[in-house]
Amino acid sequence: MTSSDAISDAQDAAKRNLWLHFTRMSAYADSDVPVIMRGSGAYVYDQHGKRYLDGLSGLFVSQVGHGRTELAEAGARQAAELAYFPLWSYAHPKAIELAARLAELAPGNLNRVFFTTSGSEAVESAWKLAKQYFKLTGEPGRYKVLSRTIAYHGTSMGALAITGLADIKHAFEPLPPGGIRVPNTNFYRAPDFVAGDEVEFGGWAADEIERAILREGPESVAAVFLEPVQNSGGCFPPPPGYFQRVREICDRYGVLLVSDEVICAFGRLGYYFGSQRYEYQPDIITFAKGVTSGYSPLGGMLVSDALMEPFNAGTATFLHGVTFAGHPVSTAVALANLDIFEKEDLLGNVRANEAAFRSTLEKLNDLPIVGDVRGAGYFYGIEMVKDKVTRETFTHEESERLLRGFLSQALFDAGLVCRADDRGDPVIQLAPPLICGQEHFDEIEQILRAVLSEAWTRI
């Protein structure tokens, strides 16, 4: 069989048997499914051998880059020694070691680690823990959770109830009750009365959390779920003082603060945890993705000593578990991944280069289609507009034509893996591996410039 025959057979099988996630399967009726065959450093290669800069780290995952044999070898060694055993009433060495290491890295007294296999599971676990914690401590009416408009917190039914994206929820309603929305921190789209001052805007957005708690009744609210930098909508950093104000509000009303760091943890913002960058203390941190750089699935939550306390005595049991959580291979890979972080000072690399990444992307501000460049660390969004002066956005039909009809495919064809997204206003999202430097930033900017310039002619 020739290589072209093998590629054709793989295409037929993909179209016949494989169901891609968050994908319009009809889009591939008359075109090939992209098949990524291998990766090396900041690049991946498709079935034809074409190279692409992985400007999204897979899916905000591949922190240390592709093709790291030391991570593959760590997983292989562990699989040969102990491939699987559950954390249901038992432990194994790598789960113990990783839990201790994460507790040491985490801010404050987040000393207990509950492992999962994904970010959605981590968020689901955090909500379940909050509910049971309050039942055990005499406040059984607390079950509601606040999260921000158009924020994404996962796809399982509980996590989806916390998610603030209406369009991805309708097909699965009714969802578990209790998900309440508050404003996000997109300063580019701030209401007019606070649009002139970012600190004032942040104070207003934080105070809206307090107003929501009071509207719902503090005795019914269990937790607030917030990302350090909100992903969905295109990278909304927190205004100065925002999280400090939110922490005060949560303390005033006895509400838990959950920092959803499935994307922001493990170097994406130049720190192990985004809450460290923005100097606030969560009660729970949810994590996944970058903890293993994607070399094996793993997620979890870091929990404060206070939340663990009711489970340390008597018969109280957290009635929740996941078969593959804290998998021996995944935890071994995570430990090796953290070794690379330390050996190569990846946090330092992000902090040293983030200004250059920002300034390189900001060169695109001379394009008429670019309205805003925002983000932090190695995590940026570029919002596209029809009019830079008025900040007029695109209609739904125009977004459909721009993003799905042109940009997504054009960027990929030009050799850049990124995300053109319209969850909120149309944006391009970028999150390259933490090993990247100026040559990669320049390549990203050059591809974006060419494709966005062409996109403007098609509006």
Protein backbone atom coordinates (compact mmCIF):
# COMPACT_ATOMS: atom_id res chain seq x y z
CA MET A 1 0.00 0.00 0.00
CA THR A 2 1.35 3.42 -0.95
CA SER A 3 1.46 6.30 1.49
CA SER A 4 -1.30 8.05 -0.47
CA ASP A 5 -3.46 4.93 -0.17
CA ALA A 6 -2.83 4.83 3.60
CA ILE A 7 -3.78 8.51 3.92
CA SER A 8 -6.95 7.91 1.90
CA ASP A 9 -7.90 4.89 4.03
CA ALA A 10 -7.34 6.90 7.23
CA GLN A 11 -9.56 9.68 5.88
CA ASP A 12 -12.32 7.21 5.06
CA ALA A 13 -12.09 5.68 8.54
CA ALA A 14 -12.05 9.09 10.24
CA LYS A 15 -15.18 10.18 8.41
CA ARG A 16 -16.91 6.87 8.98
CA ASN A 17 -16.04 6.15 12.63
CA LEU A 18 -14.52 9.09 14.50
CA TRP A 19 -16.70 11.71 16.21
CA LEU A 20 -14.70 14.89 16.76
CA HIS A 21 -15.38 17.08 19.78
CA PHE A 22 -17.04 20.51 19.41
CA THR A 23 -16.91 19.99 15.63
CA ARG A 24 -19.45 20.31 12.85
CA MET A 25 -18.95 16.92 11.29
CA SER A 26 -20.64 18.13 8.10
CA ALA A 27 -17.70 20.48 7.57
CA TYR A 28 -15.63 17.51 6.39
CA ALA A 29 -18.17 16.13 3.93
CA ASP A 30 -16.15 17.48 1.00
CA SER A 31 -12.77 18.10 2.62
CA ASP A 32 -10.13 16.16 4.53
CA VAL A 33 -10.09 15.82 8.29
CA PRO A 34 -6.77 17.30 9.49
CA VAL A 35 -4.68 14.47 10.91
CA ILE A 36 -1.76 15.47 13.15
CA MET A 37 0.88 12.76 13.07
CA ARG A 38 3.72 13.95 15.28
CA GLY A 39 5.13 16.88 17.20
CA SER A 40 8.51 18.37 17.96
CA GLY A 41 9.09 21.38 20.20
CA ALA A 42 6.63 24.13 19.29
CA TYR A 43 5.58 22.45 16.04
CA VAL A 44 3.29 19.66 14.88
CA TYR A 45 3.16 17.85 11.51
CA ASP A 46 0.18 16.53 9.58
CA GLN A 47 -0.29 13.40 7.46
CA HIS A 48 1.32 15.13 4.48
CA GLY A 49 4.39 16.20 6.46
CA LYS A 50 3.35 19.86 6.57
CA ARG A 51 4.59 21.77 9.63
CA TYR A 52 2.41 23.97 11.85
CA LEU A 53 3.33 26.25 14.74
CA ASP A 54 1.22 25.08 17.66
CA GLY A 55 -0.01 28.49 18.76
CA LEU A 56 -2.59 27.02 21.12
CA SER A 57 -0.44 24.37 22.86
CA GLY A 58 -2.85 21.77 21.54
CA LEU A 59 -5.67 23.04 23.73
CA PHE A 60 -3.81 25.16 26.32
CA VAL A 61 -2.02 21.95 27.32
CA SER A 62 1.44 21.37 25.80
CA GLN A 63 3.45 23.60 28.14
CA VAL A 64 6.85 21.97 27.60
CA GLY A 65 6.32 21.35 23.90
CA HIS A 66 6.00 18.21 21.83
CA GLY A 67 8.30 15.21 21.55
CA ARG A 68 9.73 15.27 25.07
CA THR A 69 11.04 11.73 25.36
CA GLU A 70 11.73 12.11 29.09
CA LEU A 71 7.99 12.38 29.72
CA ALA A 72 7.22 9.38 27.54
CA GLU A 73 9.92 7.40 29.32
CA ALA A 74 8.59 8.37 32.76
CA GLY A 75 5.18 7.04 31.77
CA ALA A 76 6.64 3.85 30.34
CA ARG A 77 8.69 3.14 33.47
CA GLN A 78 5.66 3.60 35.66
CA ALA A 79 3.43 1.44 33.45
CA ALA A 80 5.96 -1.37 33.67
CA GLU A 81 6.03 -1.14 37.47
CA LEU A 82 2.37 -0.40 38.26
CA ALA A 83 0.10 0.44 35.35
CA TYR A 84 -3.07 1.00 37.36
CA PHE A 85 -4.54 0.97 40.80
CA PRO A 86 -7.43 3.10 42.07
CA LEU A 87 -7.32 5.78 44.75
CA TRP A 88 -10.46 4.29 46.29
CA SER A 89 -9.26 3.40 49.80
CA TYR A 90 -5.71 2.83 48.53
CA ALA A 91 -2.75 4.98 47.56
CA HIS A 92 0.25 4.52 45.32
CA PRO A 93 3.67 6.22 45.52
CA LYS A 94 3.40 8.61 42.59
CA ALA A 95 0.00 9.98 43.70
CA ILE A 96 1.41 10.58 47.18
CA GLU A 97 4.53 12.27 45.82
CA LEU A 98 2.63 14.47 43.38
CA ALA A 99 0.04 15.52 45.96
CA ALA A 100 2.81 16.60 48.32
CA ARG A 101 4.62 18.48 45.57
CA LEU A 102 1.48 20.32 44.42
CA ALA A 103 0.61 21.25 47.99
CA GLU A 104 4.09 22.73 48.38
CA LEU A 105 3.72 24.77 45.18
CA ALA A 106 0.18 25.99 45.87
CA PRO A 107 -0.55 29.28 47.65
CA GLY A 108 -1.57 29.36 51.31
CA ASN A 109 -3.02 26.33 53.04
CA LEU A 110 -4.22 24.38 49.99
CA ASN A 111 -2.70 21.17 51.29
CA ARG A 112 -5.13 18.49 50.13
CA VAL A 113 -5.26 17.20 46.53
CA PHE A 114 -8.24 15.38 45.05
CA PHE A 115 -7.30 13.98 41.64
CA THR A 116 -9.53 13.66 38.58
CA THR A 117 -8.79 12.97 34.91
CA SER A 118 -10.01 16.25 33.37
CA GLY A 119 -10.87 19.86 33.99
CA SER A 120 -14.62 19.31 33.76
CA GLU A 121 -14.31 16.60 36.41
CA ALA A 122 -12.26 18.95 38.58
CA VAL A 123 -14.93 21.67 38.40
CA GLU A 124 -17.67 19.10 39.02
CA SER A 125 -15.76 17.83 42.04
CA ALA A 126 -15.34 21.34 43.46
CA TRP A 127 -19.08 22.06 43.28
CA LYS A 128 -19.92 18.71 44.85
CA LEU A 129 -17.39 19.31 47.62
CA ALA A 130 -18.83 22.77 48.32
CA LYS A 131 -22.34 21.36 48.59
CA GLN A 132 -21.35 18.54 50.92
CA TYR A 133 -19.08 20.75 53.01
CA PHE A 134 -21.94 23.12 53.80
CA LYS A 135 -24.27 20.23 54.61
CA LEU A 136 -21.70 18.89 57.05
CA THR A 137 -21.19 22.29 58.69
CA GLY A 138 -24.84 23.11 59.28
CA GLU A 139 -25.64 25.25 56.23
CA PRO A 140 -27.47 22.80 53.94
CA GLY A 141 -29.18 25.59 51.98
CA ARG A 142 -25.94 26.65 50.29
CA TYR A 143 -25.82 25.14 46.81
CA LYS A 144 -25.76 28.00 44.29
CA VAL A 145 -22.63 29.01 42.39
CA LEU A 146 -21.74 32.30 40.73
CA SER A 147 -19.67 32.49 37.56
CA ARG A 148 -19.03 35.11 34.92
CA THR A 149 -20.85 35.81 31.67
CA ILE A 150 -19.59 33.71 28.73
CA ALA A 151 -17.06 31.94 30.98
CA TYR A 152 -16.36 28.29 30.18
CA HIS A 153 -15.99 25.87 33.08
CA GLY A 154 -16.53 22.47 31.45
CA THR A 155 -19.02 20.19 29.73
CA SER A 156 -20.25 17.70 32.32
CA MET A 157 -23.74 18.51 33.56
CA GLY A 158 -22.67 20.26 36.76
CA ALA A 159 -19.77 22.09 35.14
CA LEU A 160 -22.06 23.08 32.29
CA ALA A 161 -24.48 24.66 34.78
CA ILE A 162 -21.55 26.80 35.98
CA THR A 163 -20.50 27.63 32.42
CA GLY A 164 -21.79 31.01 31.22
CA LEU A 165 -22.13 30.20 27.50
CA ALA A 166 -25.81 29.92 26.69
CA ASP A 167 -25.35 28.48 23.20
CA ILE A 168 -23.62 25.30 24.36
CA LYS A 169 -26.17 24.62 27.10
CA HIS A 170 -29.53 24.60 25.31
CA ALA A 171 -29.23 21.08 23.90
CA PHE A 172 -28.71 19.63 27.39
CA GLU A 173 -31.23 21.52 29.49
CA PRO A 174 -32.60 21.25 32.07
CA LEU A 175 -29.29 21.47 33.90
CA PRO A 176 -28.71 21.19 37.67
CA PRO A 177 -30.14 24.28 39.36
CA GLY A 178 -28.00 26.95 40.97
CA GLY A 179 -25.83 28.50 38.27
CA ILE A 180 -25.92 32.31 38.54
CA ARG A 181 -24.16 34.74 36.18
CA VAL A 182 -22.21 37.92 37.05
CA PRO A 183 -20.31 40.33 34.73
CA ASN A 184 -16.95 39.37 33.28
CA THR A 185 -13.87 41.61 33.24
CA ASN A 186 -13.67 42.52 29.55
CA PHE A 187 -12.60 46.16 29.93
CA TYR A 188 -12.76 46.64 26.14
CA ARG A 189 -16.54 46.13 26.40
CA ALA A 190 -17.04 47.83 29.79
CA PRO A 191 -20.35 49.68 30.39
CA ASP A 192 -20.10 53.37 29.56
CA PHE A 193 -20.30 54.54 33.17
CA VAL A 194 -17.06 52.69 34.08
CA ALA A 195 -15.40 52.56 30.66
CA GLY A 196 -12.89 55.30 31.41
CA ASP A 197 -11.15 53.78 34.44
CA GLU A 198 -10.01 50.16 34.70
CA VAL A 199 -9.82 50.21 38.50
CA GLU A 200 -13.33 51.63 38.75
CA PHE A 201 -14.53 49.03 36.26
CA GLY A 202 -12.95 46.25 38.33
CA GLY A 203 -14.58 47.56 41.50
CA TRP A 204 -17.96 47.60 39.79
CA ALA A 205 -17.53 44.06 38.39
CA ALA A 206 -16.52 42.74 41.83
CA ASP A 207 -19.38 44.55 43.54
CA GLU A 208 -21.79 42.89 41.12
CA ILE A 209 -20.78 39.60 42.76
CA GLU A 210 -21.85 41.00 46.12
CA ARG A 211 -25.13 42.24 44.64
CA ALA A 212 -25.79 38.78 43.17
CA ILE A 213 -25.11 37.11 46.52
CA LEU A 214 -27.54 39.49 48.21
CA ARG A 215 -30.20 38.99 45.51
CA GLU A 216 -29.99 35.20 45.83
CA GLY A 217 -29.65 35.27 49.61
CA PRO A 218 -26.21 34.57 51.13
CA GLU A 219 -27.57 31.50 52.90
CA SER A 220 -28.14 29.88 49.47
CA VAL A 221 -24.77 30.65 47.82
CA ALA A 222 -21.97 28.10 48.14
CA ALA A 223 -19.19 29.32 45.86
CA VAL A 224 -17.91 31.73 43.23
CA PHE A 225 -16.03 30.14 40.31
CA LEU A 226 -13.57 32.48 38.55
CA GLU A 227 -10.62 31.97 36.21
CA PRO A 228 -7.58 34.18 36.92
CA VAL A 229 -7.76 35.24 33.26
CA GLN A 230 -11.08 34.32 31.68
CA ASN A 231 -10.52 32.26 28.55
CA SER A 232 -13.84 32.23 26.73
CA GLY A 233 -14.50 35.54 25.01
CA GLY A 234 -10.80 36.05 24.41
CA CYS A 235 -8.60 36.44 27.48
CA PHE A 236 -10.06 38.88 30.01
CA PRO A 237 -7.41 39.78 32.61
CA PRO A 238 -8.60 40.98 36.02
CA PRO A 239 -8.49 44.74 36.63
CA PRO A 240 -6.20 45.87 39.48
CA GLY A 241 -7.70 45.05 42.87
CA TYR A 242 -10.51 42.92 41.43
CA PHE A 243 -9.63 39.64 43.12
CA GLN A 244 -8.79 41.28 46.43
CA ARG A 245 -12.28 42.79 46.46
CA VAL A 246 -13.85 39.45 45.50
CA ARG A 247 -11.99 37.74 48.34
CA GLU A 248 -13.36 40.31 50.81
CA ILE A 249 -16.90 39.75 49.52
CA CYS A 250 -16.61 35.97 49.78
CA ASP A 251 -15.29 36.23 53.33
CA ARG A 252 -18.08 38.63 54.33
CA TYR A 253 -20.82 36.22 53.26
CA GLY A 254 -19.14 32.88 53.96
CA VAL A 255 -18.91 31.97 50.27
CA LEU A 256 -16.09 29.81 48.89
CA LEU A 257 -13.79 31.23 46.22
CA VAL A 258 -12.87 28.65 43.59
CA SER A 259 -10.03 29.62 41.25
CA ASP A 260 -10.62 27.62 38.07
CA GLU A 261 -7.07 27.24 36.78
CA VAL A 262 -7.56 24.43 34.31
CA ILE A 263 -5.96 26.74 31.73
CA CYS A 264 -4.12 29.31 33.85
CA ALA A 265 -2.10 26.98 36.10
CA PHE A 266 1.33 25.53 35.40
CA GLY A 267 3.08 28.44 33.79
CA ARG A 268 0.52 29.83 31.37
CA LEU A 269 0.69 33.15 33.23
CA GLY A 270 4.31 32.81 34.36
CA TYR A 271 3.50 31.22 37.73
CA TYR A 272 2.54 27.76 38.86
CA PHE A 273 -0.91 29.16 39.67
CA GLY A 274 -2.65 32.23 38.31
CA SER A 275 -3.87 33.14 41.77
CA GLN A 276 -0.22 33.66 42.72
CA ARG A 277 0.26 36.14 39.89
CA TYR A 278 -2.77 38.16 40.98
CA GLU A 279 -2.09 37.71 44.70
CA TYR A 280 -5.36 36.27 45.97
CA GLN A 281 -6.03 33.22 48.12
CA PRO A 282 -8.63 30.74 46.84
CA ASP A 283 -10.36 28.09 48.93
CA ILE A 284 -10.11 25.64 46.03
CA ILE A 285 -7.99 25.57 42.87
CA THR A 286 -9.13 23.36 40.01
CA PHE A 287 -6.44 22.23 37.55
CA ALA A 288 -5.78 19.88 34.61
CA LYS A 289 -4.21 20.38 31.15
CA GLY A 290 -0.69 21.71 31.81
CA VAL A 291 -0.02 19.57 34.88
CA THR A 292 1.21 16.82 32.53
CA SER A 293 1.71 18.97 29.41
CA GLY A 294 -0.79 16.59 27.83
CA TYR A 295 1.45 13.53 27.90
CA SER A 296 -1.17 11.72 29.97
CA PRO A 297 -4.64 12.80 31.21
CA LEU A 298 -4.81 14.27 34.72
CA GLY A 299 -6.80 16.89 36.61
CA GLY A 300 -7.77 17.66 40.16
CA MET A 301 -8.48 20.20 42.82
CA LEU A 302 -6.34 21.64 45.58
CA VAL A 303 -8.42 22.12 48.72
CA SER A 304 -7.86 24.23 51.83
CA ASP A 305 -7.31 22.63 55.22
CA ALA A 306 -10.56 24.19 56.45
CA LEU A 307 -12.62 22.42 53.78
CA MET A 308 -10.95 19.12 54.58
CA GLU A 309 -11.58 19.43 58.32
CA PRO A 310 -15.13 17.96 58.45
CA PHE A 311 -13.87 14.86 56.62
CA ASN A 312 -11.02 14.22 59.06
CA ALA A 313 -13.15 12.76 61.84
CA GLY A 314 -16.08 10.44 62.33
CA THR A 315 -17.93 8.84 59.43
CA ALA A 316 -17.96 11.78 57.02
CA THR A 317 -16.92 10.72 53.51
CA PHE A 318 -16.69 12.73 50.32
CA LEU A 319 -19.08 10.62 48.28
CA HIS A 320 -17.37 11.09 44.97
CA GLY A 321 -14.70 9.34 42.91
CA VAL A 322 -13.31 8.73 39.42
CA THR A 323 -11.92 5.41 38.21
CA PHE A 324 -8.78 6.74 36.54
CA ALA A 325 -8.18 9.72 38.84
CA GLY A 326 -4.57 10.02 39.97
CA HIS A 327 -3.58 7.27 37.55
CA PRO A 328 -0.07 5.97 38.29
CA VAL A 329 1.18 6.72 34.77
CA SER A 330 -0.34 10.21 34.75
CA THR A 331 1.05 11.15 38.14
CA ALA A 332 4.50 9.88 37.16
CA VAL A 333 4.35 12.00 34.00
CA ALA A 334 3.21 15.04 36.00
CA LEU A 335 6.21 14.73 38.31
CA ALA A 336 8.57 14.51 35.33
CA ASN A 337 6.80 17.50 33.78
CA LEU A 338 7.37 19.57 36.92
CA ASP A 339 11.03 18.51 36.84
CA ILE A 340 11.29 20.07 33.36
CA PHE A 341 9.65 23.26 34.64
CA GLU A 342 12.36 23.56 37.27
CA LYS A 343 15.31 22.44 35.16
CA GLU A 344 14.48 24.77 32.26
CA ASP A 345 13.01 27.60 34.35
CA LEU A 346 9.89 27.77 32.19
CA LEU A 347 8.17 30.15 34.59
CA GLY A 348 11.11 32.49 34.25
CA ASN A 349 11.01 32.12 30.47
CA VAL A 350 7.38 33.23 30.35
CA ARG A 351 7.97 36.18 32.67
CA ALA A 352 11.07 37.25 30.74
CA ASN A 353 9.36 37.06 27.34
CA GLU A 354 5.74 38.00 27.94
CA ALA A 355 6.37 41.70 27.22
CA ALA A 356 7.95 40.77 23.90
CA PHE A 357 5.02 38.48 23.08
CA ARG A 358 2.57 41.29 23.84
CA SER A 359 4.49 43.93 21.87
CA THR A 360 4.81 41.59 18.88
CA LEU A 361 1.07 40.94 18.85
CA GLU A 362 0.34 44.64 19.36
CA LYS A 363 2.00 45.35 15.99
CA LEU A 364 -1.28 44.04 14.57
CA ASN A 365 -3.08 47.08 15.96
CA ASP A 366 -2.39 48.86 12.67
CA LEU A 367 -4.84 46.51 10.91
CA PRO A 368 -8.40 47.84 10.61
CA ILE A 369 -9.90 44.53 11.68
CA VAL A 370 -8.00 44.39 15.02
CA GLY A 371 -9.91 46.03 17.85
CA ASP A 372 -8.13 44.81 20.99
CA VAL A 373 -5.09 42.75 21.97
CA ARG A 374 -5.33 41.52 25.54
CA GLY A 375 -4.04 38.85 27.86
CA ALA A 376 -1.12 37.97 30.11
CA GLY A 377 1.83 35.61 30.14
CA TYR A 378 1.63 33.29 27.13
CA PHE A 379 -2.16 33.65 26.91
CA TYR A 380 -3.65 36.24 24.53
CA GLY A 381 -6.80 37.09 22.65
CA ILE A 382 -7.20 39.36 19.64
CA GLU A 383 -10.70 40.78 19.23
CA MET A 384 -11.82 41.60 15.69
CA VAL A 385 -14.15 44.47 14.87
CA LYS A 386 -15.85 46.09 11.87
CA ASP A 387 -15.02 49.60 13.08
CA LYS A 388 -12.05 50.41 15.32
CA VAL A 389 -13.44 53.80 16.35
CA THR A 390 -16.94 52.70 17.37
CA ARG A 391 -15.84 49.14 18.32
CA GLU A 392 -18.74 47.81 16.27
CA THR A 393 -18.69 44.03 16.24
CA PHE A 394 -19.89 41.57 13.63
CA THR A 395 -23.39 40.18 13.29
CA HIS A 396 -23.95 36.46 13.84
CA GLU A 397 -24.07 35.89 10.08
CA GLU A 398 -20.90 37.92 9.52
CA SER A 399 -19.10 36.00 12.29
CA GLU A 400 -20.16 32.73 10.72
CA ARG A 401 -18.77 33.85 7.38
CA LEU A 402 -15.59 35.35 8.85
CA LEU A 403 -14.61 32.69 11.37
CA ARG A 404 -15.91 29.43 9.96
CA GLY A 405 -16.11 30.46 6.35
CA PHE A 406 -12.56 31.81 6.14
CA LEU A 407 -10.35 32.45 9.17
CA SER A 408 -10.19 29.03 10.81
CA GLN A 409 -9.14 27.23 7.65
CA ALA A 410 -6.96 30.08 6.35
CA LEU A 411 -4.91 30.26 9.55
CA PHE A 412 -4.41 26.49 9.55
CA ASP A 413 -3.48 26.50 5.87
CA ALA A 414 -0.95 29.24 6.62
CA GLY A 415 0.73 27.00 9.19
CA LEU A 416 -0.67 28.26 12.50
CA VAL A 417 -2.72 26.26 14.99
CA CYS A 418 -4.83 28.71 17.00
CA ARG A 419 -8.51 29.28 17.70
CA ALA A 420 -10.85 31.62 15.85
CA ASP A 421 -13.84 31.77 18.15
CA ASP A 422 -17.12 33.64 18.51
CA ARG A 423 -18.13 32.69 22.03
CA GLY A 424 -18.78 36.32 22.77
CA ASP A 425 -17.35 38.74 20.20
CA PRO A 426 -15.12 37.28 17.45
CA VAL A 427 -11.58 36.62 18.67
CA ILE A 428 -8.41 34.75 17.83
CA GLN A 429 -6.92 32.98 20.84
CA LEU A 430 -3.23 32.24 21.28
CA ALA A 431 -1.43 30.17 23.92
CA PRO A 432 1.90 28.86 22.58
CA PRO A 433 4.09 26.37 24.44
CA LEU A 434 6.09 27.90 27.28
CA ILE A 435 9.36 27.07 25.52
CA CYS A 436 8.64 29.63 22.77
CA GLY A 437 10.66 32.77 22.14
CA GLN A 438 10.86 35.74 19.78
CA GLU A 439 11.25 33.70 16.60
CA HIS A 440 7.92 32.01 17.33
CA PHE A 441 6.23 35.30 18.23
CA ASP A 442 7.40 36.77 14.91
CA GLU A 443 6.08 33.77 13.00
CA ILE A 444 2.69 34.07 14.73
CA GLU A 445 2.50 37.80 13.96
CA GLN A 446 3.45 37.36 10.30
CA ILE A 447 0.85 34.65 9.70
CA LEU A 448 -1.85 36.59 11.52
CA ARG A 449 -1.00 39.76 9.60
CA ALA A 450 -1.33 38.08 6.22
CA VAL A 451 -4.53 36.21 7.03
CA LEU A 452 -6.27 39.08 8.85
CA SER A 453 -5.40 41.45 6.02
CA GLU A 454 -7.05 39.05 3.59
CA ALA A 455 -10.03 38.65 5.92
CA TRP A 456 -10.61 42.42 5.90
CA THR A 457 -11.00 42.38 2.13
CA ARG A 458 -13.75 39.77 2.47
CA ILE A 459 -15.95 41.67 4.95
